[in-house]
N, C-alpha and C. Protein backbone atom coordinates (compact mmCIF):
# COMPACT_ATOMS: atom_id res chain seq x y z
N UNK A 1 -0.47 16.04 42.89
CA UNK A 1 -0.18 17.01 41.76
C UNK A 1 1.18 17.53 41.81
N UNK A 2 1.73 17.77 42.86
CA UNK A 2 3.13 18.16 43.25
C UNK A 2 4.19 17.38 42.68
N UNK A 3 3.93 16.00 42.84
CA UNK A 3 4.70 14.94 42.62
C UNK A 3 4.83 15.00 41.02
N UNK A 4 3.64 15.06 40.27
CA UNK A 4 3.70 15.17 38.93
C UNK A 4 4.50 16.41 38.31
N UNK A 5 4.32 17.42 39.03
CA UNK A 5 5.01 18.60 38.59
C UNK A 5 6.56 18.47 38.80
N UNK A 6 6.92 17.97 40.01
CA UNK A 6 8.38 17.58 40.24
C UNK A 6 8.88 16.71 39.08
N UNK A 7 8.27 15.63 38.82
CA UNK A 7 8.74 14.70 37.78
C UNK A 7 8.81 15.56 36.30
N UNK A 8 7.80 16.23 35.91
CA UNK A 8 7.80 16.78 34.63
C UNK A 8 8.99 17.92 34.66
N UNK A 9 9.22 18.56 35.68
CA UNK A 9 10.34 19.68 35.63
C UNK A 9 11.73 18.75 35.48
N UNK A 10 11.91 17.71 36.24
CA UNK A 10 13.12 17.00 36.21
C UNK A 10 13.37 16.31 34.80
N UNK A 11 12.22 15.79 34.24
CA UNK A 11 12.38 15.12 32.88
C UNK A 11 12.86 16.28 31.89
N UNK A 12 12.24 17.33 32.00
CA UNK A 12 12.52 18.50 31.04
C UNK A 12 13.93 18.86 31.16
N UNK A 13 14.41 19.10 32.45
CA UNK A 13 15.90 19.51 32.53
C UNK A 13 16.86 18.49 32.01
N UNK A 14 16.45 17.12 32.27
CA UNK A 14 17.38 16.06 31.99
C UNK A 14 17.66 16.11 30.39
N UNK A 15 16.76 16.56 29.67
CA UNK A 15 16.92 16.80 28.13
C UNK A 15 18.09 17.60 27.78
N UNK A 16 18.56 18.45 28.75
CA UNK A 16 19.68 19.37 28.55
C UNK A 16 21.06 18.64 28.57
N UNK A 17 20.98 17.33 29.28
CA UNK A 17 22.22 16.75 29.42
C UNK A 17 22.74 16.06 28.12
N UNK A 18 23.89 16.17 27.80
CA UNK A 18 24.64 15.70 26.61
C UNK A 18 25.69 14.64 26.89
N UNK A 19 25.82 13.79 25.89
CA UNK A 19 26.90 12.65 26.16
C UNK A 19 28.29 13.35 26.43
N UNK A 20 28.86 12.79 27.48
CA UNK A 20 30.27 13.34 27.74
C UNK A 20 30.33 14.36 28.93
N UNK A 21 29.03 14.92 29.19
CA UNK A 21 29.04 15.92 30.32
C UNK A 21 29.45 15.38 31.71
N UNK A 22 29.97 16.36 32.42
CA UNK A 22 29.96 16.19 33.87
C UNK A 22 28.92 16.89 34.44
N UNK A 23 28.05 16.13 35.22
CA UNK A 23 26.80 16.70 35.73
C UNK A 23 26.75 16.73 37.33
N UNK A 24 26.33 17.89 37.68
CA UNK A 24 26.16 18.08 39.15
C UNK A 24 24.79 17.53 39.57
N UNK A 25 24.60 16.70 40.55
CA UNK A 25 23.32 16.08 41.00
C UNK A 25 22.95 16.71 42.39
N UNK A 26 21.78 17.29 42.40
CA UNK A 26 21.15 17.98 43.56
C UNK A 26 20.69 16.99 44.42
N UNK A 27 20.23 17.66 45.68
CA UNK A 27 19.64 16.65 46.75
C UNK A 27 18.30 17.15 47.03
N UNK A 28 17.50 16.19 47.29
CA UNK A 28 15.88 16.41 47.62
C UNK A 28 15.12 15.42 46.71
N UNK A 29 13.73 15.60 47.02
CA UNK A 29 12.68 14.91 46.37
C UNK A 29 12.66 15.14 44.82
N UNK A 30 12.81 16.33 44.28
CA UNK A 30 12.72 16.74 43.01
C UNK A 30 13.92 16.27 42.26
N UNK A 31 15.14 16.46 42.83
CA UNK A 31 16.40 16.05 42.26
C UNK A 31 16.41 14.55 42.07
N UNK A 32 15.76 13.81 42.90
CA UNK A 32 15.70 12.35 42.80
C UNK A 32 15.16 11.84 41.60
N UNK A 33 14.16 12.72 40.94
CA UNK A 33 13.42 12.27 39.67
C UNK A 33 14.48 12.38 38.57
N UNK A 34 15.31 13.42 38.77
CA UNK A 34 16.42 13.56 37.73
C UNK A 34 17.24 12.54 37.77
N UNK A 35 17.77 12.11 38.96
CA UNK A 35 18.74 11.06 39.08
C UNK A 35 18.15 9.90 38.55
N UNK A 36 16.87 9.46 38.82
CA UNK A 36 16.36 8.28 38.29
C UNK A 36 16.30 8.15 36.72
N UNK A 37 15.93 9.27 36.09
CA UNK A 37 16.01 9.49 34.71
C UNK A 37 17.35 9.31 34.11
N UNK A 38 18.41 9.97 34.72
CA UNK A 38 19.70 9.83 34.17
C UNK A 38 20.17 8.55 34.32
N UNK A 39 19.71 7.81 35.41
CA UNK A 39 20.17 6.42 35.72
C UNK A 39 19.62 5.53 34.48
N UNK A 40 18.37 5.83 34.08
CA UNK A 40 17.83 5.05 32.84
C UNK A 40 18.64 5.39 31.65
N UNK A 41 18.88 6.51 31.54
CA UNK A 41 19.71 6.87 30.29
C UNK A 41 21.12 6.37 30.26
N UNK A 42 21.75 6.19 31.28
CA UNK A 42 23.08 5.57 31.39
C UNK A 42 22.96 4.07 31.17
N UNK A 43 22.03 3.47 31.82
CA UNK A 43 21.75 2.05 31.33
C UNK A 43 21.35 1.84 29.87
N UNK A 44 20.80 2.89 29.12
CA UNK A 44 20.62 2.93 27.75
C UNK A 44 21.73 3.21 26.99
N UNK A 45 22.87 3.53 27.49
CA UNK A 45 24.12 3.89 26.83
C UNK A 45 24.63 5.26 27.01
N UNK A 46 24.02 6.34 27.67
CA UNK A 46 24.48 7.60 27.77
C UNK A 46 25.87 7.72 28.61
N UNK A 47 26.79 8.17 28.06
CA UNK A 47 28.08 8.17 28.79
C UNK A 47 28.25 9.61 29.51
N UNK A 48 28.06 9.64 30.82
CA UNK A 48 28.29 10.89 31.45
C UNK A 48 29.00 10.43 32.75
N UNK A 49 29.55 11.54 33.48
CA UNK A 49 30.00 11.32 34.96
C UNK A 49 29.33 12.38 35.72
N UNK A 50 29.34 12.19 37.07
CA UNK A 50 28.46 13.06 37.86
C UNK A 50 29.26 13.38 39.15
N UNK A 51 28.93 14.51 39.83
CA UNK A 51 29.27 14.96 41.12
C UNK A 51 28.17 15.11 41.97
N UNK A 52 28.06 14.43 43.20
CA UNK A 52 26.94 14.44 44.03
C UNK A 52 27.03 15.52 45.17
N UNK A 53 26.01 16.20 45.48
CA UNK A 53 26.01 17.30 46.46
C UNK A 53 25.73 16.68 47.87
N UNK A 54 25.47 15.43 48.08
CA UNK A 54 25.37 14.87 49.29
C UNK A 54 25.65 13.36 49.39
N UNK A 55 25.95 12.78 50.51
CA UNK A 55 26.10 11.30 50.52
C UNK A 55 24.80 10.51 50.02
N UNK A 56 23.77 11.17 50.53
CA UNK A 56 22.48 10.53 50.08
C UNK A 56 22.39 10.42 48.47
N UNK A 57 22.63 11.54 47.97
CA UNK A 57 22.59 11.64 46.52
C UNK A 57 23.70 10.71 45.84
N UNK A 58 24.82 10.69 46.38
CA UNK A 58 25.92 9.83 45.83
C UNK A 58 25.52 8.27 45.76
N UNK A 59 24.68 7.95 46.91
CA UNK A 59 24.33 6.58 47.19
C UNK A 59 23.28 6.26 46.00
N UNK A 60 22.22 7.21 45.89
CA UNK A 60 21.19 6.84 44.99
C UNK A 60 21.70 6.91 43.43
N UNK A 61 22.70 7.75 43.33
CA UNK A 61 23.30 7.65 41.90
C UNK A 61 24.03 6.42 41.56
N UNK A 62 24.96 6.10 42.40
CA UNK A 62 25.51 4.87 42.23
C UNK A 62 24.59 3.65 42.08
N UNK A 63 23.52 3.70 42.86
CA UNK A 63 22.66 2.61 42.78
C UNK A 63 22.00 2.48 41.44
N UNK A 64 21.85 3.72 40.69
CA UNK A 64 21.30 3.72 39.43
C UNK A 64 22.43 3.54 38.38
N UNK A 65 23.59 3.11 38.70
CA UNK A 65 24.70 3.02 37.77
C UNK A 65 25.42 4.20 37.26
N UNK A 66 25.10 5.44 37.80
CA UNK A 66 25.71 6.60 37.42
C UNK A 66 27.16 6.73 38.08
N UNK A 67 28.17 6.92 37.17
CA UNK A 67 29.58 7.09 37.68
C UNK A 67 29.66 8.39 38.48
N UNK A 68 30.19 8.45 39.72
CA UNK A 68 30.36 9.53 40.57
C UNK A 68 31.82 9.75 40.72
N UNK A 69 32.22 10.99 40.64
CA UNK A 69 33.63 11.34 40.89
C UNK A 69 33.72 12.44 41.80
N UNK A 70 34.73 12.63 42.50
CA UNK A 70 35.06 13.55 43.49
C UNK A 70 35.30 14.95 43.00
N UNK A 71 34.71 15.94 43.51
CA UNK A 71 34.77 17.21 43.03
C UNK A 71 36.25 17.79 43.36
N UNK A 72 36.85 17.38 44.26
CA UNK A 72 38.07 17.93 45.04
C UNK A 72 39.20 18.09 43.80
N UNK A 73 39.16 17.18 42.97
CA UNK A 73 40.11 17.25 41.80
C UNK A 73 39.60 17.90 40.50
N UNK A 74 38.55 18.59 40.62
CA UNK A 74 37.96 19.33 39.36
C UNK A 74 37.70 20.83 39.77
N UNK A 75 37.81 21.54 38.80
CA UNK A 75 37.57 22.98 38.89
C UNK A 75 36.16 23.40 38.11
N UNK A 76 35.57 22.55 37.33
CA UNK A 76 34.45 23.01 36.56
C UNK A 76 33.55 21.79 36.34
N UNK A 77 32.21 22.19 36.39
CA UNK A 77 31.15 21.15 35.96
C UNK A 77 30.34 21.74 34.77
N UNK A 78 29.91 20.88 34.05
CA UNK A 78 29.30 21.28 32.84
C UNK A 78 27.84 21.86 33.00
N UNK A 79 27.04 21.10 33.96
CA UNK A 79 25.61 21.24 34.08
C UNK A 79 25.27 20.62 35.38
N UNK A 80 24.58 21.44 36.23
CA UNK A 80 24.06 20.96 37.59
C UNK A 80 22.40 21.14 37.62
N UNK A 81 21.71 20.19 38.11
CA UNK A 81 20.35 20.08 38.11
C UNK A 81 20.06 19.83 39.61
N UNK A 82 19.16 20.73 40.20
CA UNK A 82 18.93 20.81 41.74
C UNK A 82 17.63 21.30 42.02
N UNK A 83 16.96 21.08 42.96
CA UNK A 83 15.73 21.58 43.47
C UNK A 83 15.93 22.81 44.15
N UNK A 84 14.72 23.49 44.70
CA UNK A 84 14.64 24.65 45.28
C UNK A 84 13.50 24.75 46.34
N UNK A 85 13.58 25.42 47.36
CA UNK A 85 12.38 25.59 48.39
C UNK A 85 11.67 26.72 47.93
N UNK A 86 12.18 27.69 47.27
CA UNK A 86 11.53 28.92 46.76
C UNK A 86 12.34 29.60 45.51
N UNK A 87 11.59 29.80 44.50
CA UNK A 87 12.20 30.53 43.37
C UNK A 87 11.40 31.61 42.83
N UNK A 88 11.98 32.68 42.47
CA UNK A 88 11.04 33.85 41.93
C UNK A 88 11.49 34.13 40.58
N UNK A 89 10.86 35.09 39.82
CA UNK A 89 11.10 35.45 38.49
C UNK A 89 12.45 36.00 38.26
N UNK A 90 13.29 36.50 39.35
CA UNK A 90 14.69 36.97 39.16
C UNK A 90 15.56 35.80 39.10
N UNK A 91 15.08 34.55 39.29
CA UNK A 91 15.91 33.36 39.57
C UNK A 91 16.59 33.47 40.74
N UNK A 92 16.21 34.12 41.69
CA UNK A 92 16.56 34.06 43.05
C UNK A 92 15.95 32.82 43.73
N UNK A 93 16.72 32.10 44.58
CA UNK A 93 16.11 30.86 45.17
C UNK A 93 16.62 30.77 46.63
N UNK A 94 15.82 30.14 47.38
CA UNK A 94 16.18 29.66 48.65
C UNK A 94 16.22 28.21 48.63
N UNK A 95 17.26 27.56 49.15
CA UNK A 95 17.60 26.14 49.08
C UNK A 95 18.00 25.64 50.53
N UNK A 96 18.03 24.40 50.64
CA UNK A 96 18.67 23.97 51.96
C UNK A 96 17.65 23.16 52.88
N UNK A 97 16.55 22.83 52.54
CA UNK A 97 15.64 22.27 53.46
C UNK A 97 16.14 20.75 53.63
N UNK A 98 16.97 20.17 52.87
CA UNK A 98 17.61 19.04 52.92
C UNK A 98 18.83 19.05 53.78
N UNK A 99 19.44 20.19 54.07
CA UNK A 99 20.69 20.32 54.72
C UNK A 99 21.92 20.33 53.90
N UNK A 100 21.73 20.38 52.49
CA UNK A 100 23.06 20.07 51.78
C UNK A 100 23.46 21.37 51.06
N UNK A 101 22.96 22.63 51.57
CA UNK A 101 23.16 23.74 50.65
C UNK A 101 24.53 24.20 50.44
N UNK A 102 25.47 24.02 51.43
CA UNK A 102 26.88 24.25 51.42
C UNK A 102 27.45 23.50 50.18
N UNK A 103 27.53 22.12 50.07
CA UNK A 103 27.84 21.46 48.83
C UNK A 103 27.05 21.95 47.50
N UNK A 104 25.85 22.17 47.68
CA UNK A 104 25.12 22.34 46.61
C UNK A 104 25.59 23.82 46.02
N UNK A 105 25.85 24.73 46.86
CA UNK A 105 26.43 26.02 46.45
C UNK A 105 27.73 25.92 45.82
N UNK A 106 28.67 25.18 46.27
CA UNK A 106 29.91 24.95 45.64
C UNK A 106 29.77 24.22 44.26
N UNK A 107 28.95 23.32 44.25
CA UNK A 107 28.66 22.61 42.86
C UNK A 107 27.99 23.53 42.00
N UNK A 108 27.14 24.40 42.44
CA UNK A 108 26.45 25.28 41.46
C UNK A 108 27.41 26.38 41.17
N UNK A 109 28.26 26.87 41.90
CA UNK A 109 29.32 27.81 41.55
C UNK A 109 30.26 27.37 40.57
N UNK A 110 30.64 26.01 40.61
CA UNK A 110 31.67 25.55 39.74
C UNK A 110 30.97 25.17 38.36
N UNK A 111 29.78 25.32 38.21
CA UNK A 111 29.03 24.71 37.07
C UNK A 111 28.92 25.95 36.07
N UNK A 112 29.12 25.64 34.70
CA UNK A 112 28.87 26.40 33.71
C UNK A 112 27.33 26.82 33.39
N UNK A 113 26.45 25.87 33.93
CA UNK A 113 25.10 25.97 33.83
C UNK A 113 24.43 25.47 35.07
N UNK A 114 23.47 26.06 35.77
CA UNK A 114 22.87 25.67 36.83
C UNK A 114 21.38 25.70 36.65
N UNK A 115 20.69 24.65 36.69
CA UNK A 115 19.16 24.56 36.56
C UNK A 115 18.53 24.12 37.68
N UNK A 116 17.62 24.79 37.99
CA UNK A 116 16.75 24.62 39.29
C UNK A 116 15.46 23.91 38.64
N UNK A 117 14.98 22.82 39.37
CA UNK A 117 13.70 22.03 38.99
C UNK A 117 12.81 22.15 40.21
N UNK A 118 11.59 22.52 39.88
CA UNK A 118 10.51 22.62 41.07
C UNK A 118 9.32 22.41 40.67
N UNK A 119 8.21 22.04 41.56
CA UNK A 119 6.89 22.15 41.18
C UNK A 119 6.38 23.46 41.41
N UNK A 120 5.19 23.80 40.90
CA UNK A 120 4.65 25.27 40.93
C UNK A 120 4.43 25.84 42.27
N UNK A 121 4.45 24.99 43.29
CA UNK A 121 4.13 25.49 44.60
C UNK A 121 5.33 26.24 45.10
N UNK A 122 6.59 25.87 44.54
CA UNK A 122 7.82 26.62 45.02
C UNK A 122 8.09 27.86 44.19
N UNK A 123 7.26 28.31 43.19
CA UNK A 123 7.42 29.48 42.49
C UNK A 123 6.76 30.57 43.17
N UNK A 124 7.39 31.68 43.53
CA UNK A 124 6.68 32.83 44.27
C UNK A 124 7.09 34.16 43.62
N UNK A 125 6.27 35.10 43.99
CA UNK A 125 6.54 36.42 43.36
C UNK A 125 7.85 37.13 43.90
N UNK A 126 8.32 36.80 45.14
CA UNK A 126 9.55 37.31 45.55
C UNK A 126 9.97 36.27 46.68
N UNK A 127 11.24 35.75 46.71
CA UNK A 127 11.66 34.95 47.83
C UNK A 127 11.45 35.70 49.12
N UNK A 128 11.48 34.84 50.21
CA UNK A 128 11.52 35.37 51.47
C UNK A 128 10.66 34.66 52.57
N UNK A 129 9.59 33.90 52.17
CA UNK A 129 8.74 33.30 53.14
C UNK A 129 9.36 32.07 53.60
N UNK A 130 10.24 31.29 52.85
CA UNK A 130 10.88 30.08 53.29
C UNK A 130 11.90 30.22 54.22
N UNK A 131 12.15 29.37 55.07
CA UNK A 131 13.38 29.52 56.00
C UNK A 131 14.66 29.54 55.40
N UNK A 132 15.45 30.32 55.86
CA UNK A 132 16.92 30.24 55.14
C UNK A 132 17.85 29.60 56.03
N UNK A 133 18.29 28.33 55.56
CA UNK A 133 19.20 27.47 56.41
C UNK A 133 20.60 28.16 56.33
N UNK A 134 21.37 27.94 57.43
CA UNK A 134 22.99 28.38 57.39
C UNK A 134 23.43 27.18 57.94
N UNK A 135 24.76 26.82 57.45
CA UNK A 135 25.46 25.79 57.93
C UNK A 135 26.56 26.54 58.86
N UNK A 136 26.65 25.93 60.06
CA UNK A 136 27.44 26.63 61.11
C UNK A 136 28.56 25.63 61.66
N UNK A 137 29.77 26.18 62.03
CA UNK A 137 30.66 25.48 62.52
C UNK A 137 30.15 25.23 64.09
N UNK A 138 30.21 24.01 64.57
CA UNK A 138 29.79 23.85 65.93
C UNK A 138 30.40 24.72 67.03
N UNK A 139 31.63 25.07 66.85
CA UNK A 139 32.46 25.77 67.75
C UNK A 139 31.83 27.14 67.86
N UNK A 140 31.25 27.70 66.80
CA UNK A 140 30.61 29.13 66.78
C UNK A 140 29.17 29.12 66.78
N UNK A 141 28.51 28.13 67.37
CA UNK A 141 27.04 28.18 67.39
C UNK A 141 26.42 29.27 68.04
N UNK A 142 26.79 29.43 69.26
CA UNK A 142 26.18 30.49 70.11
C UNK A 142 26.56 31.99 69.46
N UNK A 143 27.76 32.13 69.02
CA UNK A 143 28.19 33.35 68.48
C UNK A 143 27.39 33.60 67.25
N UNK A 144 27.25 32.81 66.25
CA UNK A 144 26.55 32.87 65.01
C UNK A 144 25.07 33.17 65.13
N UNK A 145 24.42 32.33 66.29
CA UNK A 145 23.06 32.60 66.60
C UNK A 145 22.77 34.02 66.96
N UNK A 146 23.71 34.43 67.88
CA UNK A 146 23.52 35.88 68.36
C UNK A 146 23.57 36.91 67.20
N UNK A 147 24.47 36.56 66.36
CA UNK A 147 24.59 37.61 65.31
C UNK A 147 23.23 37.47 64.21
N UNK A 148 22.81 36.24 64.11
CA UNK A 148 21.70 36.14 63.31
C UNK A 148 20.45 36.82 63.90
N UNK A 149 20.30 36.76 65.32
CA UNK A 149 19.22 37.27 65.92
C UNK A 149 19.32 38.78 65.99
N UNK A 150 20.60 39.36 66.09
CA UNK A 150 21.01 40.82 65.86
C UNK A 150 20.50 41.34 64.55
N UNK A 151 20.26 40.51 63.48
CA UNK A 151 19.93 40.86 62.19
C UNK A 151 18.45 40.79 61.98
N UNK A 152 17.72 40.35 62.98
CA UNK A 152 16.31 40.35 63.09
C UNK A 152 15.83 39.03 62.66
N UNK A 153 16.59 38.00 62.74
CA UNK A 153 16.04 36.52 62.22
C UNK A 153 15.59 35.91 63.62
N UNK A 154 14.69 35.08 63.38
CA UNK A 154 14.43 34.12 64.29
C UNK A 154 15.12 32.84 64.00
N UNK A 155 16.11 32.52 64.87
CA UNK A 155 17.04 31.52 64.36
C UNK A 155 16.79 30.11 65.23
N UNK A 156 16.56 29.04 64.56
CA UNK A 156 16.26 27.83 65.28
C UNK A 156 17.32 26.77 64.83
N UNK A 157 17.86 26.25 65.96
CA UNK A 157 18.84 25.17 65.70
C UNK A 157 18.06 23.84 65.05
N UNK A 158 18.50 23.26 63.95
CA UNK A 158 17.84 22.05 63.44
C UNK A 158 18.24 20.92 64.43
N UNK A 159 17.37 20.49 65.26
CA UNK A 159 17.60 19.50 66.28
C UNK A 159 17.96 18.21 65.67
N UNK A 160 19.03 17.53 66.18
CA UNK A 160 19.34 16.20 66.02
C UNK A 160 19.99 15.93 64.64
N UNK A 161 20.40 17.04 64.01
CA UNK A 161 20.91 17.07 62.58
C UNK A 161 22.36 17.52 62.64
N UNK A 162 23.09 16.69 61.78
CA UNK A 162 24.46 17.11 61.42
C UNK A 162 24.55 17.07 59.88
N UNK A 163 25.29 17.93 59.30
CA UNK A 163 25.42 17.82 57.73
C UNK A 163 26.54 16.80 57.52
N UNK A 164 26.70 16.51 56.17
CA UNK A 164 27.78 15.68 55.69
C UNK A 164 29.22 16.10 56.09
N UNK A 165 29.28 17.44 56.34
CA UNK A 165 30.53 17.83 56.97
C UNK A 165 30.60 17.88 58.41
N UNK A 166 29.78 17.33 59.20
CA UNK A 166 29.58 17.25 60.54
C UNK A 166 29.26 18.69 61.26
N UNK A 167 28.65 19.53 60.55
CA UNK A 167 28.45 20.81 61.06
C UNK A 167 26.94 20.97 61.44
N UNK A 168 26.43 21.97 61.98
CA UNK A 168 25.04 22.33 62.43
C UNK A 168 24.45 23.13 61.41
N UNK A 169 23.05 23.02 61.44
CA UNK A 169 22.23 24.03 60.65
C UNK A 169 21.40 24.86 61.65
N UNK A 170 21.28 26.00 61.21
CA UNK A 170 20.34 26.97 61.92
C UNK A 170 19.27 27.38 60.78
N UNK A 171 17.95 27.18 61.06
CA UNK A 171 17.04 27.75 60.09
C UNK A 171 16.60 28.98 60.55
N UNK A 172 16.68 30.02 59.69
CA UNK A 172 16.37 31.29 59.93
C UNK A 172 15.09 31.82 59.35
N UNK A 173 14.28 32.45 60.01
CA UNK A 173 13.01 33.25 59.51
C UNK A 173 13.22 34.68 59.67
N UNK A 174 13.27 35.42 58.49
CA UNK A 174 13.44 36.83 58.42
C UNK A 174 11.98 37.51 58.30
N UNK A 175 11.61 38.34 59.13
CA UNK A 175 10.24 38.89 58.78
C UNK A 175 10.11 39.57 57.56
N UNK A 176 11.22 40.15 56.95
CA UNK A 176 11.13 40.91 55.76
C UNK A 176 12.58 40.52 54.90
N UNK A 177 12.44 40.53 53.71
CA UNK A 177 13.62 40.29 52.94
C UNK A 177 13.66 41.33 51.58
N UNK A 178 13.69 42.73 51.84
CA UNK A 178 13.54 43.58 50.85
C UNK A 178 14.92 43.56 49.84
N UNK A 179 16.00 43.28 50.37
CA UNK A 179 17.11 43.22 49.65
C UNK A 179 17.97 41.84 49.80
N UNK A 180 17.59 40.71 49.22
CA UNK A 180 18.19 39.46 49.42
C UNK A 180 19.78 39.49 49.10
N UNK A 181 20.27 40.34 48.26
CA UNK A 181 21.66 40.52 47.99
C UNK A 181 22.37 41.08 49.23
N UNK A 182 21.93 42.11 49.88
CA UNK A 182 22.40 42.62 51.09
C UNK A 182 22.43 41.50 52.29
N UNK A 183 21.11 40.88 52.22
CA UNK A 183 21.28 39.85 53.32
C UNK A 183 22.37 38.75 53.08
N UNK A 184 22.43 38.33 51.95
CA UNK A 184 23.44 37.34 51.64
C UNK A 184 24.85 37.77 52.02
N UNK A 185 25.10 38.96 51.65
CA UNK A 185 26.37 39.60 51.99
C UNK A 185 26.70 39.59 53.63
N UNK A 186 25.74 40.11 54.22
CA UNK A 186 25.63 40.17 55.73
C UNK A 186 25.98 38.81 56.31
N UNK A 187 25.26 37.69 55.77
CA UNK A 187 25.38 36.41 56.19
C UNK A 187 26.76 35.79 55.95
N UNK A 188 27.29 36.04 54.96
CA UNK A 188 28.60 35.46 54.48
C UNK A 188 29.74 36.07 55.28
N UNK A 189 29.43 37.33 55.72
CA UNK A 189 30.53 38.06 56.60
C UNK A 189 30.54 37.48 57.96
N UNK A 190 29.60 36.61 58.48
CA UNK A 190 29.68 36.25 59.87
C UNK A 190 30.61 35.10 59.93
N UNK A 191 31.78 35.26 60.88
CA UNK A 191 32.74 34.24 61.10
C UNK A 191 32.08 32.97 61.68
N UNK A 192 32.47 31.79 61.17
CA UNK A 192 31.95 30.64 61.66
C UNK A 192 30.58 30.19 60.89
N UNK A 193 29.98 31.11 60.11
CA UNK A 193 28.97 30.72 59.31
C UNK A 193 29.50 30.24 57.83
N UNK A 194 29.31 28.96 57.65
CA UNK A 194 30.06 28.36 56.47
C UNK A 194 29.27 28.37 55.17
N UNK A 195 28.01 28.46 55.16
CA UNK A 195 27.28 28.61 53.99
C UNK A 195 25.72 28.86 54.26
N UNK A 196 25.12 29.57 53.25
CA UNK A 196 23.64 29.86 53.51
C UNK A 196 22.94 29.46 52.23
N UNK A 197 21.69 29.47 52.52
CA UNK A 197 20.70 28.84 51.35
C UNK A 197 20.13 29.93 50.36
N UNK A 198 20.73 31.05 50.44
CA UNK A 198 20.15 32.14 49.44
C UNK A 198 21.15 31.90 48.09
N UNK A 199 20.56 31.55 47.08
CA UNK A 199 21.09 31.40 45.79
C UNK A 199 20.68 32.25 44.91
N UNK A 200 21.54 33.40 44.72
CA UNK A 200 21.00 34.58 43.88
C UNK A 200 21.76 34.72 42.76
N UNK A 201 22.84 34.41 42.46
CA UNK A 201 23.66 34.53 41.14
C UNK A 201 23.87 33.17 40.40
N UNK A 202 23.63 32.16 41.17
CA UNK A 202 24.05 30.76 40.54
C UNK A 202 23.08 30.21 39.58
N UNK A 203 21.85 30.56 39.71
CA UNK A 203 20.83 29.84 38.92
C UNK A 203 20.65 30.53 37.39
N UNK A 204 20.85 29.81 36.49
CA UNK A 204 20.86 30.23 34.97
C UNK A 204 19.50 30.03 34.44
N UNK A 205 18.73 28.89 35.01
CA UNK A 205 17.45 28.50 34.32
C UNK A 205 16.80 27.68 35.41
N UNK A 206 15.40 27.84 35.31
CA UNK A 206 14.50 27.03 36.02
C UNK A 206 13.46 26.40 35.34
N UNK A 207 13.29 25.12 35.54
CA UNK A 207 12.02 24.38 34.92
C UNK A 207 10.93 24.09 36.05
N UNK A 208 9.78 24.81 35.86
CA UNK A 208 8.50 24.71 36.86
C UNK A 208 7.66 23.74 36.38
N UNK A 209 7.40 22.86 37.03
CA UNK A 209 6.26 21.92 36.74
C UNK A 209 4.98 22.16 37.23
N UNK A 210 3.93 22.22 36.43
CA UNK A 210 2.65 22.34 37.13
C UNK A 210 1.65 21.32 36.41
N UNK A 211 1.68 20.13 37.07
CA UNK A 211 0.92 19.14 36.40
C UNK A 211 1.97 18.47 35.40
N UNK A 212 1.30 18.30 34.06
CA UNK A 212 2.31 17.77 32.91
C UNK A 212 2.77 18.94 32.19
N UNK A 213 2.51 20.11 32.60
CA UNK A 213 2.96 21.50 32.02
C UNK A 213 4.34 21.88 32.58
N UNK A 214 5.30 22.31 31.79
CA UNK A 214 6.56 22.85 32.22
C UNK A 214 6.81 24.13 31.78
N UNK A 215 7.13 25.16 32.65
CA UNK A 215 7.49 26.49 32.22
C UNK A 215 8.99 26.79 32.47
N UNK A 216 9.67 27.13 31.45
CA UNK A 216 11.08 27.45 31.62
C UNK A 216 11.39 28.93 31.85
N UNK A 217 12.10 29.18 32.77
CA UNK A 217 12.58 30.58 33.22
C UNK A 217 14.03 30.47 32.97
N UNK A 218 14.41 31.46 31.95
CA UNK A 218 15.92 31.66 31.60
C UNK A 218 16.43 33.04 32.08
N UNK A 219 17.43 33.04 32.74
CA UNK A 219 18.06 34.27 33.04
C UNK A 219 18.49 35.14 31.88
N UNK A 220 18.08 36.46 31.91
CA UNK A 220 18.21 37.30 30.84
C UNK A 220 17.60 36.91 29.57
N UNK A 221 16.28 36.24 29.86
CA UNK A 221 15.50 35.87 28.58
C UNK A 221 14.08 35.69 29.18
N UNK A 222 13.33 35.73 28.19
CA UNK A 222 11.81 35.47 28.64
C UNK A 222 11.47 33.91 28.90
N UNK A 223 10.49 33.87 29.56
CA UNK A 223 10.13 32.33 29.82
C UNK A 223 9.49 31.85 28.64
N UNK A 224 9.36 30.49 28.57
CA UNK A 224 8.64 29.90 27.57
C UNK A 224 8.21 28.46 28.05
N UNK A 225 7.42 27.80 27.24
CA UNK A 225 6.85 26.52 27.59
C UNK A 225 7.80 25.30 27.10
N UNK A 226 8.09 24.53 27.83
CA UNK A 226 8.95 23.39 27.47
C UNK A 226 8.04 22.15 27.33
């Protein structure tokens, strides 16, 4: 059922892609459905370019015939489609189970519009149960870990894993998250912590798939059925 919801949400989001757009492509199992659909549309004649949030996504997109360009020479993206580990009615999200949240956040921040796609199991009343990953410069591992633990986190190094930037991931469990914005600010202030999985301002819209039914949540708008 979750796979059906993921696919339904992805297909609904891809409907927003218009010819000539520069599209940010997320990382993960739900984003993979969007990449597959966009590849089909490109084969059918849709002209777009894309920016990938991970090496894996770039490889998958190229295999589908989607032209990939480097974000380094660009300042703005038209539309990004990506998944989430949790998302609530405020369009606050936790991302990064796949370890790509630093690139995902850069791409999201550069986007005129950011869409999250997810199955219904990822929709929560308030974010906070999922682990919050942080990307850490290896040089600062012990220092950052100590700072995270001082903030009340259970900090666990993701064993045997390096990001596409050759950094480390610490997965954090916070017993409570009453103020995600304050937490995000505290995380961002830790030297050596390069990025975190709290996406609080970036998401403009979410498509939530529940079987073949999709709910759209729009920032500063009421939700509707797509």
